C-alpha cells in the first residue's frame, strides 16, 4: 500500500489529500482534493430549503431556529446519484435525510403539487 500523494489545492498549497475524482457538473466541490479518504469525496449540488412556517420555532442564543425541508443532488464515492431530501425539525430534534431516485423525486414532487392544488382549490371556495 502506498502513501497518499500530496495534492496541490486551488490556492496552490499542498494538501495530504487523495487524488481528485471526476465529479458531475452540479458538484459544488470539484475533485474534492482536500479530503483524506474516499468516503468523504461526496458530491453535493447547491441545496435549497423551504422554511416550514407553520411549525414551532426555537429561540436560542444564536437566533431563531426554524424547521426546514431541503433537497439537493448527491453522489457518494462509487455510488449512483440520488436526490437527498433533508428534514430538520427543531421542535422534535429531527435531522433526517432520505435518498430518492430521480423518478421517486419526480413522483414526490407530483404528489406535493397535487396536495398543494387541493388546499389552494379549497381556499378559493
Protein backbone atom coordinates (compact mmCIF):
# COMPACT_ATOMS: atom_id res chain seq x y z
CA UNK A 1 0.00 0.00 0.00
CA UNK A 2 1.45 3.35 -0.99
CA UNK A 3 1.11 6.60 0.91
CA UNK A 4 -1.20 9.31 -0.39
CA UNK A 5 0.42 11.57 -2.94
CA UNK A 6 0.47 15.22 -1.88
CA UNK A 7 -2.10 17.19 -3.85
CA UNK A 8 -1.88 20.85 -4.74
CA UNK A 9 -5.07 22.70 -3.93
CA UNK A 10 -6.64 25.50 -5.96
CA UNK A 11 -4.91 28.01 -3.67
CA UNK A 12 -1.56 26.44 -4.55
CA UNK A 13 -0.90 24.96 -1.13
CA UNK A 14 -0.02 21.31 -0.71
CA UNK A 15 -2.55 19.06 0.98
CA UNK A 16 -2.06 15.47 2.02
CA UNK A 17 -5.38 14.56 0.45
CA UNK A 18 -6.09 11.87 -2.09
CA UNK A 19 -6.30 12.21 -5.87
CA UNK A 20 -9.31 14.14 -7.17
CA UNK A 21 -12.35 12.34 -8.55
CA UNK A 22 -14.44 13.07 -11.63
CA UNK A 23 -17.45 14.98 -10.38
CA UNK A 24 -20.78 15.64 -12.07
CA UNK A 25 -21.31 19.16 -13.41
CA UNK A 26 -23.58 20.05 -10.47
CA UNK A 27 -20.98 19.29 -7.77
CA UNK A 28 -20.04 22.30 -5.63
CA UNK A 29 -16.55 20.95 -4.73
CA UNK A 30 -15.00 19.63 -7.96
CA UNK A 31 -12.41 16.93 -7.31
CA UNK A 32 -12.63 17.01 -3.51
CA UNK A 33 -8.85 17.37 -3.31
CA UNK A 34 -8.82 18.37 0.38
CA UNK A 35 -10.41 15.12 1.56
CA UNK A 36 -8.42 12.37 3.27
CA UNK A 37 -10.48 9.30 2.42
CA UNK A 38 -12.69 8.18 -0.45
CA UNK A 39 -15.82 8.05 1.73
CA UNK A 40 -15.51 11.82 2.18
CA UNK A 41 -15.48 12.51 -1.56
CA UNK A 42 -19.21 13.16 -1.72
CA UNK A 43 -20.66 15.38 -4.42
CA UNK A 44 -23.48 17.76 -3.48
CA UNK A 45 -25.34 20.30 -5.55
CA UNK A 46 -26.32 23.60 -4.04
CA UNK A 47 -29.06 22.92 -1.53
CA UNK A 48 -32.46 24.53 -1.46
CA UNK A 49 -34.51 24.68 1.72
CA UNK A 50 -38.08 25.69 2.44
CA UNK A 51 -38.89 27.00 5.91
CA UNK A 52 -41.90 25.22 7.39
CA UNK A 53 -43.62 28.38 8.60
CA UNK A 54 -46.49 26.54 10.33
CA UNK A 55 -44.10 24.61 12.61
CA UNK A 56 -42.96 25.85 16.01
CA UNK A 57 -39.69 27.76 16.25
CA UNK A 58 -36.94 27.60 18.83
CA UNK A 59 -35.19 30.68 20.13
CA UNK A 60 -31.55 30.12 21.07
CA UNK A 61 -28.68 32.46 22.00
CA UNK A 62 -27.70 32.22 18.29
CA UNK A 63 -31.09 33.29 16.95
CA UNK A 64 -34.36 31.76 15.86
CA UNK A 65 -34.22 28.17 14.61
CA UNK A 66 -36.96 27.14 12.21
CA UNK A 67 -37.89 23.74 10.82
CA UNK A 68 -36.82 23.28 7.20
CA UNK A 69 -37.11 20.79 4.37
CA UNK A 70 -34.45 20.77 1.68
CA UNK A 71 -33.46 18.94 -1.45
CA UNK A 72 -30.18 18.56 -3.31
CA UNK A 73 -28.44 16.23 -5.71
CA UNK A 74 -25.91 13.96 -4.01
CA UNK A 75 -23.45 11.28 -5.09
CA UNK A 76 -21.27 9.32 -2.71
CA UNK A 77 -17.96 7.84 -3.82
CA UNK A 78 -18.62 4.83 -6.08
CA UNK A 79 -22.36 5.32 -5.68
CA UNK A 80 -25.11 6.40 -8.02
CA UNK A 81 -26.51 9.92 -7.84
CA UNK A 82 -29.61 10.47 -5.72
CA UNK A 83 -31.87 13.30 -4.66
CA UNK A 84 -31.28 13.86 -0.96
CA UNK A 85 -34.33 15.15 0.89
CA UNK A 86 -33.28 16.63 4.24
CA UNK A 87 -35.73 17.39 7.05
CA UNK A 88 -34.73 19.47 10.06
CA UNK A 89 -37.39 19.78 12.75
CA UNK A 90 -36.39 21.80 15.77
CA UNK A 91 -39.48 21.03 17.85
CA UNK A 92 -38.72 17.30 17.97
CA UNK A 93 -34.98 17.40 17.27
CA UNK A 94 -35.44 15.75 13.88
CA UNK A 95 -32.49 15.75 11.47
CA UNK A 96 -33.02 13.07 8.86
CA UNK A 97 -32.29 12.54 5.20
CA UNK A 98 -33.85 10.25 2.61
CA UNK A 99 -32.23 9.22 -0.67
CA UNK A 100 -34.57 9.13 -3.66
CA UNK A 101 -34.02 8.13 -7.26
CA UNK A 102 -34.77 10.79 -9.86
CA UNK A 103 -38.06 9.01 -10.66
CA UNK A 104 -39.04 8.90 -6.97
CA UNK A 105 -38.21 12.60 -6.53
CA UNK A 106 -40.36 13.48 -9.54
CA UNK A 107 -43.20 11.37 -8.16
CA UNK A 108 -42.95 13.08 -4.76
CA UNK A 109 -42.91 16.49 -6.48
CA UNK A 110 -46.06 15.49 -8.38
CA UNK A 111 -47.80 14.41 -5.14
CA UNK A 112 -46.75 17.58 -3.32
CA UNK A 113 -48.05 19.70 -6.20
CA UNK A 114 -51.35 17.79 -6.26
CA UNK A 115 -51.81 18.24 -2.49
CA UNK A 116 -50.98 21.96 -2.77
CA UNK A 117 -53.50 22.27 -5.59
CA UNK A 118 -56.15 20.67 -3.36
CA UNK A 119 -55.69 23.10 -0.49
CA UNK A 120 -55.49 26.09 -2.87
CA UNK A 121 -58.70 24.93 -4.56
CA UNK A 122 -60.39 24.68 -1.15
CA UNK A 123 -59.19 28.17 -0.18
CA UNK A 124 -60.86 29.67 -3.26
CA UNK A 125 -64.34 28.48 -2.22
